[in-house]
Amino acid sequence: MLDAVKAYLHSRPRWIRWREWLVGRRYAFAPFPDRPKPLVVVAYSRRDAVKALEMVRGVERDWAEAPLQSRKAYEEILEDSPRLVIVQFRRTNICGCLGHRHVIVKEPPFAEPHDAIGGDPAGELDIAFERVERWLALPLMDIALDTQFVAGSRLREFQAERLRLQFLSILLHEINHMVRPQEPEASIRERSLAFYRDALAQYVEHAKASLSLTIDRSFSRFERD
């Protein structure tokens, strides 16, 4: 489907494509590596390309590296999701939310069903990434891990990993809303936070195992805690 969507975007009138380019609208594509759908299309401003790439990496890489049981919790949800999910990637939003599902698709190229996606309607959500950067998903865990890494050389790597997992957990949370609109918010939140918690904990365990504690101070405190 990725090639079909790219071909569709390129087939639009040239003046539309040039207008998008001039205003800085860009699209990045993030397929889940072990699933036929959904294909995630990240719609972002050119000035936010670095952060948008982190969103893409979260889907393409961090999903596959999350614990198997965490991914299984979303197996049926992703199976029932729209074939195409648009993420309007913003710095902030009016409502103050980290992100939310859109009832009506607003991103112009995908507002109506197209043959590129089999005539099926797309799903859409937004993520306000500056708000996500300030968000502590699980405050006690996040602060504790930040403290563990603060003395070492891998603090930035840890913070980037945490941000990608936050993006990914919000994406999964909102797809859950799309697929099961009647499911209580508390249940949906519990599932997405569990995914975030377990994926981040596994990353820390793998990072500990990959380092020599006598060389890199990133984990110098783990052995004492």
C-alpha atoms as a PDB file:
ATOM      1  CA  MET A   1       0.000   0.000   0.000  1.00  0.00           C
ATOM      2  CA  LEU A   2       2.920   2.352   0.638  1.00  0.00           C
ATOM      3  CA  ASP A   3       3.784   2.550  -3.061  1.00  0.00           C
ATOM      4  CA  ALA A   4       0.131   3.123  -3.982  1.00  0.00           C
ATOM      5  CA  VAL A   5      -0.203   6.015  -1.527  1.00  0.00           C
ATOM      6  CA  LYS A   6       3.021   7.614  -2.751  1.00  0.00           C
ATOM      7  CA  ALA A   7       1.854   7.256  -6.346  1.00  0.00           C
ATOM      8  CA  TYR A   8      -1.489   8.836  -5.486  1.00  0.00           C
ATOM      9  CA  LEU A   9       0.161  11.855  -3.830  1.00  0.00           C
ATOM     10  CA  HIS A  10       2.415  12.324  -6.847  1.00  0.00           C
ATOM     11  CA  SER A  11      -0.506  12.006  -9.280  1.00  0.00           C
ATOM     12  CA  ARG A  12      -2.333  15.047  -7.931  1.00  0.00           C
ATOM     13  CA  PRO A  13      -2.239  18.264  -9.980  1.00  0.00           C
ATOM     14  CA  ARG A  14       1.155  19.916  -9.971  1.00  0.00           C
ATOM     15  CA  TRP A  15      -0.175  23.205  -8.616  1.00  0.00           C
ATOM     16  CA  ILE A  16      -1.495  21.441  -5.532  1.00  0.00           C
ATOM     17  CA  ARG A  17       1.817  19.719  -4.918  1.00  0.00           C
ATOM     18  CA  TRP A  18       3.741  22.955  -5.389  1.00  0.00           C
ATOM     19  CA  ARG A  19       1.438  24.791  -2.997  1.00  0.00           C
ATOM     20  CA  GLU A  20       2.032  22.140  -0.336  1.00  0.00           C
ATOM     21  CA  TRP A  21       5.763  22.362  -0.901  1.00  0.00           C
ATOM     22  CA  LEU A  22       5.804  26.166  -0.657  1.00  0.00           C
ATOM     23  CA  VAL A  23       3.862  26.255   2.609  1.00  0.00           C
ATOM     24  CA  GLY A  24       6.172  23.575   4.009  1.00  0.00           C
ATOM     25  CA  ARG A  25       3.704  20.675   4.244  1.00  0.00           C
ATOM     26  CA  ARG A  26       5.469  17.327   4.201  1.00  0.00           C
ATOM     27  CA  TYR A  27       4.443  13.685   4.523  1.00  0.00           C
ATOM     28  CA  ALA A  28       6.428  10.822   6.002  1.00  0.00           C
ATOM     29  CA  PHE A  29       5.385   7.177   5.937  1.00  0.00           C
ATOM     30  CA  ALA A  30       5.689   4.667   8.760  1.00  0.00           C
ATOM     31  CA  PRO A  31       4.494   1.099   8.212  1.00  0.00           C
ATOM     32  CA  PHE A  32       4.346  -1.242  11.173  1.00  0.00           C
ATOM     33  CA  PRO A  33       7.152  -3.711  10.355  1.00  0.00           C
ATOM     34  CA  ASP A  34       5.276  -6.885  11.282  1.00  0.00           C
ATOM     35  CA  ARG A  35       1.771  -5.975  10.137  1.00  0.00           C
ATOM     36  CA  PRO A  36       0.030  -5.218   6.814  1.00  0.00           C
ATOM     37  CA  LYS A  37      -1.813  -2.279   8.382  1.00  0.00           C
ATOM     38  CA  PRO A  38      -2.174   0.430   9.320  1.00  0.00           C
ATOM     39  CA  LEU A  39       0.184   2.519   7.246  1.00  0.00           C
ATOM     40  CA  VAL A  40       0.846   5.632   9.313  1.00  0.00           C
ATOM     41  CA  VAL A  41       1.219   8.883   7.374  1.00  0.00           C
ATOM     42  CA  VAL A  42       2.815  11.659   9.426  1.00  0.00           C
ATOM     43  CA  ALA A  43       1.731  15.086   8.132  1.00  0.00           C
ATOM     44  CA  TYR A  44       4.138  17.716   9.437  1.00  0.00           C
ATOM     45  CA  SER A  45       5.632  21.141   8.841  1.00  0.00           C
ATOM     46  CA  ARG A  46       9.079  21.274   7.244  1.00  0.00           C
ATOM     47  CA  ARG A  47      10.450  23.057  10.317  1.00  0.00           C
ATOM     48  CA  ASP A  48       9.458  20.073  12.482  1.00  0.00           C
ATOM     49  CA  ALA A  49      11.159  17.423  10.349  1.00  0.00           C
ATOM     50  CA  VAL A  50      13.531  16.229  13.085  1.00  0.00           C
ATOM     51  CA  LYS A  51      10.733  15.494  15.543  1.00  0.00           C
ATOM     52  CA  ALA A  52       8.556  13.963  12.829  1.00  0.00           C
ATOM     53  CA  LEU A  53      11.364  11.532  12.050  1.00  0.00           C
ATOM     54  CA  GLU A  54      11.297  10.428  15.688  1.00  0.00           C
ATOM     55  CA  MET A  55       7.590   9.690  15.285  1.00  0.00           C
ATOM     56  CA  VAL A  56       8.382   7.549  12.233  1.00  0.00           C
ATOM     57  CA  ARG A  57      11.169   5.718  14.054  1.00  0.00           C
ATOM     58  CA  GLY A  58       8.804   4.958  16.901  1.00  0.00           C
ATOM     59  CA  VAL A  59       6.513   3.034  14.554  1.00  0.00           C
ATOM     60  CA  GLU A  60       9.163   1.449  12.354  1.00  0.00           C
ATOM     61  CA  ARG A  61      11.690   0.468  15.004  1.00  0.00           C
ATOM     62  CA  ASP A  62      10.503   0.825  18.588  1.00  0.00           C
ATOM     63  CA  TRP A  63       7.256  -1.053  17.975  1.00  0.00           C
ATOM     64  CA  ALA A  64       9.221  -4.100  16.806  1.00  0.00           C
ATOM     65  CA  GLU A  65      11.534  -3.871  19.825  1.00  0.00           C
ATOM     66  CA  ALA A  66       8.703  -3.693  22.381  1.00  0.00           C
ATOM     67  CA  PRO A  67       7.905  -6.822  24.414  1.00  0.00           C
ATOM     68  CA  LEU A  68       5.876  -9.384  22.500  1.00  0.00           C
ATOM     69  CA  GLN A  69       3.130  -9.417  25.123  1.00  0.00           C
ATOM     70  CA  SER A  70       2.769  -5.641  24.865  1.00  0.00           C
ATOM     71  CA  ARG A  71       2.339  -5.874  21.096  1.00  0.00           C
ATOM     72  CA  LYS A  72      -0.172  -8.699  21.454  1.00  0.00           C
ATOM     73  CA  ALA A  73      -2.376  -6.397  23.531  1.00  0.00           C
ATOM     74  CA  TYR A  74      -2.888  -4.368  20.327  1.00  0.00           C
ATOM     75  CA  GLU A  75      -3.108  -7.238  17.861  1.00  0.00           C
ATOM     76  CA  GLU A  76      -6.886  -7.151  17.372  1.00  0.00           C
ATOM     77  CA  ILE A  77      -6.997  -3.357  17.574  1.00  0.00           C
ATOM     78  CA  LEU A  78      -4.497  -2.915  14.765  1.00  0.00           C
ATOM     79  CA  GLU A  79      -6.143  -5.693  12.758  1.00  0.00           C
ATOM     80  CA  ASP A  80      -9.411  -3.726  12.867  1.00  0.00           C
ATOM     81  CA  SER A  81      -7.846  -0.310  12.294  1.00  0.00           C
ATOM     82  CA  PRO A  82      -8.222   1.716   9.089  1.00  0.00           C
ATOM     83  CA  ARG A  83      -5.683   0.766   6.453  1.00  0.00           C
ATOM     84  CA  LEU A  84      -4.388   4.333   6.516  1.00  0.00           C
ATOM     85  CA  VAL A  85      -3.946   6.413   9.682  1.00  0.00           C
ATOM     86  CA  ILE A  86      -3.028  10.073   9.306  1.00  0.00           C
ATOM     87  CA  VAL A  87      -1.146  11.790  12.138  1.00  0.00           C
ATOM     88  CA  GLN A  88      -1.331  15.573  12.045  1.00  0.00           C
ATOM     89  CA  PHE A  89       1.957  16.259  13.810  1.00  0.00           C
ATOM     90  CA  ARG A  90       1.728  19.655  15.511  1.00  0.00           C
ATOM     91  CA  ARG A  91       3.730  21.640  18.028  1.00  0.00           C
ATOM     92  CA  THR A  92       0.657  22.337  20.141  1.00  0.00           C
ATOM     93  CA  ASN A  93      -3.122  22.430  19.879  1.00  0.00           C
ATOM     94  CA  ILE A  94      -5.962  24.550  21.158  1.00  0.00           C
ATOM     95  CA  CYS A  95      -7.561  21.967  23.421  1.00  0.00           C
ATOM     96  CA  GLY A  96      -4.386  21.311  25.386  1.00  0.00           C
ATOM     97  CA  CYS A  97      -4.461  17.555  24.804  1.00  0.00           C
ATOM     98  CA  LEU A  98      -1.436  15.445  23.956  1.00  0.00           C
ATOM     99  CA  GLY A  99      -3.419  14.151  21.014  1.00  0.00           C
ATOM    100  CA  HIS A 100      -6.880  13.073  20.029  1.00  0.00           C
ATOM    101  CA  ARG A 101      -8.789  11.200  17.377  1.00  0.00           C
ATOM    102  CA  HIS A 102     -10.566  13.143  14.644  1.00  0.00           C
ATOM    103  CA  VAL A 103     -14.077  12.044  13.798  1.00  0.00           C
ATOM    104  CA  ILE A 104     -13.681  13.546  10.303  1.00  0.00           C
ATOM    105  CA  VAL A 105     -10.436  13.371   8.337  1.00  0.00           C
ATOM    106  CA  LYS A 106      -9.149  16.924   7.796  1.00  0.00           C
ATOM    107  CA  GLU A 107      -5.840  16.404   5.993  1.00  0.00           C
ATOM    108  CA  PRO A 108      -6.787  17.441   2.422  1.00  0.00           C
ATOM    109  CA  PRO A 109      -5.211  14.647   0.328  1.00  0.00           C
ATOM    110  CA  PHE A 110      -6.886  11.998   2.476  1.00  0.00           C
ATOM    111  CA  ALA A 111     -10.219  13.632   3.310  1.00  0.00           C
ATOM    112  CA  GLU A 112     -12.021  11.392   0.809  1.00  0.00           C
ATOM    113  CA  PRO A 113     -11.496   7.663   0.171  1.00  0.00           C
ATOM    114  CA  HIS A 114      -9.219   6.897  -2.771  1.00  0.00           C
ATOM    115  CA  ASP A 115      -8.361   3.881  -4.861  1.00  0.00           C
ATOM    116  CA  ALA A 116      -4.841   4.045  -3.423  1.00  0.00           C
ATOM    117  CA  ILE A 117      -6.233   2.627  -0.186  1.00  0.00           C
ATOM    118  CA  GLY A 118      -8.847   0.409  -1.750  1.00  0.00           C
ATOM    119  CA  GLY A 119     -11.575   3.024  -1.478  1.00  0.00           C
ATOM    120  CA  ASP A 120     -11.582   2.730   2.314  1.00  0.00           C
ATOM    121  CA  PRO A 121     -11.799   5.840   4.508  1.00  0.00           C
ATOM    122  CA  ALA A 122      -8.688   6.826   6.425  1.00  0.00           C
ATOM    123  CA  GLY A 123      -8.490   7.440  10.146  1.00  0.00           C
ATOM    124  CA  GLU A 124      -6.922  10.594  11.569  1.00  0.00           C
ATOM    125  CA  LEU A 125      -5.549  11.911  14.832  1.00  0.00           C
ATOM    126  CA  ASP A 126      -3.235  14.662  15.955  1.00  0.00           C
ATOM    127  CA  ILE A 127      -0.238  14.706  18.280  1.00  0.00           C
ATOM    128  CA  ALA A 128       0.997  17.933  19.901  1.00  0.00           C
ATOM    129  CA  PHE A 129       4.660  17.054  20.240  1.00  0.00           C
ATOM    130  CA  GLU A 130       5.772  19.999  22.386  1.00  0.00           C
ATOM    131  CA  ARG A 131       3.159  19.006  24.953  1.00  0.00           C
ATOM    132  CA  VAL A 132       4.324  15.392  24.756  1.00  0.00           C
ATOM    133  CA  GLU A 133       7.913  16.486  25.425  1.00  0.00           C
ATOM    134  CA  ARG A 134       6.785  18.021  28.731  1.00  0.00           C
ATOM    135  CA  TRP A 135       4.608  15.066  29.676  1.00  0.00           C
ATOM    136  CA  LEU A 136       5.591  12.529  32.314  1.00  0.00           C
ATOM    137  CA  ALA A 137       3.569   9.475  31.326  1.00  0.00           C
ATOM    138  CA  LEU A 138       4.406   7.634  34.542  1.00  0.00           C
ATOM    139  CA  PRO A 139       5.941  10.319  36.798  1.00  0.00           C
ATOM    140  CA  LEU A 140       7.610   8.111  39.408  1.00  0.00           C
ATOM    141  CA  MET A 141       9.151   5.812  36.814  1.00  0.00           C
ATOM    142  CA  ASP A 142      10.150   8.586  34.397  1.00  0.00           C
ATOM    143  CA  ILE A 143      11.816  10.741  37.058  1.00  0.00           C
ATOM    144  CA  ALA A 144      13.590   7.769  38.597  1.00  0.00           C
ATOM    145  CA  LEU A 145      15.020   6.672  35.251  1.00  0.00           C
ATOM    146  CA  ASP A 146      16.013  10.225  34.343  1.00  0.00           C
ATOM    147  CA  THR A 147      17.999  10.340  37.577  1.00  0.00           C
ATOM    148  CA  GLN A 148      19.689   7.048  36.782  1.00  0.00           C
ATOM    149  CA  PHE A 149      20.849   8.316  33.407  1.00  0.00           C
ATOM    150  CA  VAL A 150      21.733  11.891  34.353  1.00  0.00           C
ATOM    151  CA  ALA A 151      25.347  11.135  35.287  1.00  0.00           C
ATOM    152  CA  GLY A 152      26.125   9.175  32.157  1.00  0.00           C
ATOM    153  CA  SER A 153      26.829   9.627  28.495  1.00  0.00           C
ATOM    154  CA  ARG A 154      23.577   8.038  27.303  1.00  0.00           C
ATOM    155  CA  LEU A 155      21.094  10.482  28.819  1.00  0.00           C
ATOM    156  CA  ARG A 156      20.157  11.961  25.427  1.00  0.00           C
ATOM    157  CA  GLU A 157      19.698   8.518  23.927  1.00  0.00           C
ATOM    158  CA  PHE A 158      17.408   7.553  26.800  1.00  0.00           C
ATOM    159  CA  GLN A 159      15.361  10.743  26.507  1.00  0.00           C
ATOM    160  CA  ALA A 160      14.965  10.241  22.739  1.00  0.00           C
ATOM    161  CA  GLU A 161      13.852   6.648  23.299  1.00  0.00           C
ATOM    162  CA  ARG A 162      11.366   7.739  25.933  1.00  0.00           C
ATOM    163  CA  LEU A 163       9.919  10.397  23.616  1.00  0.00           C
ATOM    164  CA  ARG A 164       9.491   7.907  20.759  1.00  0.00           C
ATOM    165  CA  LEU A 165       7.705   5.490  23.082  1.00  0.00           C
ATOM    166  CA  GLN A 166       5.456   8.311  24.242  1.00  0.00           C
ATOM    167  CA  PHE A 167       4.585   9.114  20.620  1.00  0.00           C
ATOM    168  CA  LEU A 168       3.939   5.447  19.947  1.00  0.00           C
ATOM    169  CA  SER A 169       1.770   4.929  23.024  1.00  0.00           C
ATOM    170  CA  ILE A 170      -0.344   7.990  22.111  1.00  0.00           C
ATOM    171  CA  LEU A 171      -0.723   6.696  18.545  1.00  0.00           C
ATOM    172  CA  LEU A 172      -1.870   3.299  19.823  1.00  0.00           C
ATOM    173  CA  HIS A 173      -4.174   4.976  22.342  1.00  0.00           C
ATOM    174  CA  GLU A 174      -5.952   6.985  19.652  1.00  0.00           C
ATOM    175  CA  ILE A 175      -6.178   4.053  17.218  1.00  0.00           C
ATOM    176  CA  ASN A 176      -7.800   2.165  20.101  1.00  0.00           C
ATOM    177  CA  HIS A 177     -10.385   4.962  20.261  1.00  0.00           C
ATOM    178  CA  MET A 178     -10.988   4.693  16.500  1.00  0.00           C
ATOM    179  CA  VAL A 179     -11.567   0.967  16.596  1.00  0.00           C
ATOM    180  CA  ARG A 180     -13.449   0.726  19.882  1.00  0.00           C
ATOM    181  CA  PRO A 181     -15.198   4.058  20.432  1.00  0.00           C
ATOM    182  CA  GLN A 182     -17.394   2.618  23.188  1.00  0.00           C
ATOM    183  CA  GLU A 183     -14.515   1.303  25.298  1.00  0.00           C
ATOM    184  CA  PRO A 184     -14.079   3.340  28.521  1.00  0.00           C
ATOM    185  CA  GLU A 185     -11.242   5.853  28.548  1.00  0.00           C
ATOM    186  CA  ALA A 186      -9.799   4.292  31.707  1.00  0.00           C
ATOM    187  CA  SER A 187      -9.404   0.935  29.966  1.00  0.00           C
ATOM    188  CA  ILE A 188      -7.791   2.478  26.888  1.00  0.00           C
ATOM    189  CA  ARG A 189      -5.417   4.543  29.021  1.00  0.00           C
ATOM    190  CA  GLU A 190      -4.433   1.530  31.103  1.00  0.00           C
ATOM    191  CA  ARG A 191      -3.518  -0.403  27.963  1.00  0.00           C
ATOM    192  CA  SER A 192      -1.434   2.384  26.410  1.00  0.00           C
ATOM    193  CA  LEU A 193       0.392   3.190  29.651  1.00  0.00           C
ATOM    194  CA  ALA A 194       1.154  -0.492  30.161  1.00  0.00           C
ATOM    195  CA  PHE A 195       2.658  -0.598  26.677  1.00  0.00           C
ATOM    196  CA  TYR A 196       4.789   2.463  27.442  1.00  0.00           C
ATOM    197  CA  ARG A 197       5.905   1.180  30.848  1.00  0.00           C
ATOM    198  CA  ASP A 198       6.881  -2.300  29.681  1.00  0.00           C
ATOM    199  CA  ALA A 199       8.605  -1.116  26.492  1.00  0.00           C
ATOM    200  CA  LEU A 200      10.640   1.476  28.377  1.00  0.00           C
ATOM    201  CA  ALA A 201      11.575  -1.018  31.104  1.00  0.00           C
ATOM    202  CA  GLN A 202      12.769  -3.496  28.473  1.00  0.00           C
ATOM    203  CA  TYR A 203      14.860  -0.802  26.791  1.00  0.00           C
ATOM    204  CA  VAL A 204      16.558  -0.019  30.115  1.00  0.00           C
ATOM    205  CA  GLU A 205      17.292  -3.695  30.742  1.00  0.00           C
ATOM    206  CA  HIS A 206      18.824  -4.109  27.285  1.00  0.00           C
ATOM    207  CA  ALA A 207      20.852  -0.922  27.729  1.00  0.00           C
ATOM    208  CA  LYS A 208      22.211  -2.174  31.049  1.00  0.00           C
ATOM    209  CA  ALA A 209      23.239  -5.458  29.466  1.00  0.00           C
ATOM    210  CA  SER A 210      24.989  -3.739  26.553  1.00  0.00           C
ATOM    211  CA  LEU A 211      27.304  -1.577  28.622  1.00  0.00           C
ATOM    212  CA  SER A 212      30.354  -2.114  30.728  1.00  0.00           C
ATOM    213  CA  LEU A 213      29.424  -0.532  34.045  1.00  0.00           C
ATOM    214  CA  THR A 214      33.078   0.228  34.750  1.00  0.00           C
ATOM    215  CA  ILE A 215      33.485   2.244  31.524  1.00  0.00           C
ATOM    216  CA  ASP A 216      30.217   4.077  31.015  1.00  0.00           C
ATOM    217  CA  ARG A 217      28.792   5.950  34.004  1.00  0.00           C
ATOM    218  CA  SER A 218      25.296   5.935  32.503  1.00  0.00           C
ATOM    219  CA  PHE A 219      24.354   3.016  34.686  1.00  0.00           C
ATOM    220  CA  SER A 220      26.805   3.459  37.527  1.00  0.00           C
ATOM    221  CA  ARG A 221      23.948   3.717  40.048  1.00  0.00           C
ATOM    222  CA  PHE A 222      21.946   0.708  38.957  1.00  0.00           C
ATOM    223  CA  GLU A 223      24.025  -1.729  40.925  1.00  0.00           C
ATOM    224  CA  ARG A 224      23.532   0.259  44.139  1.00  0.00           C
ATOM    225  CA  ASP A 225      19.760   0.766  43.817  1.00  0.00           C
END
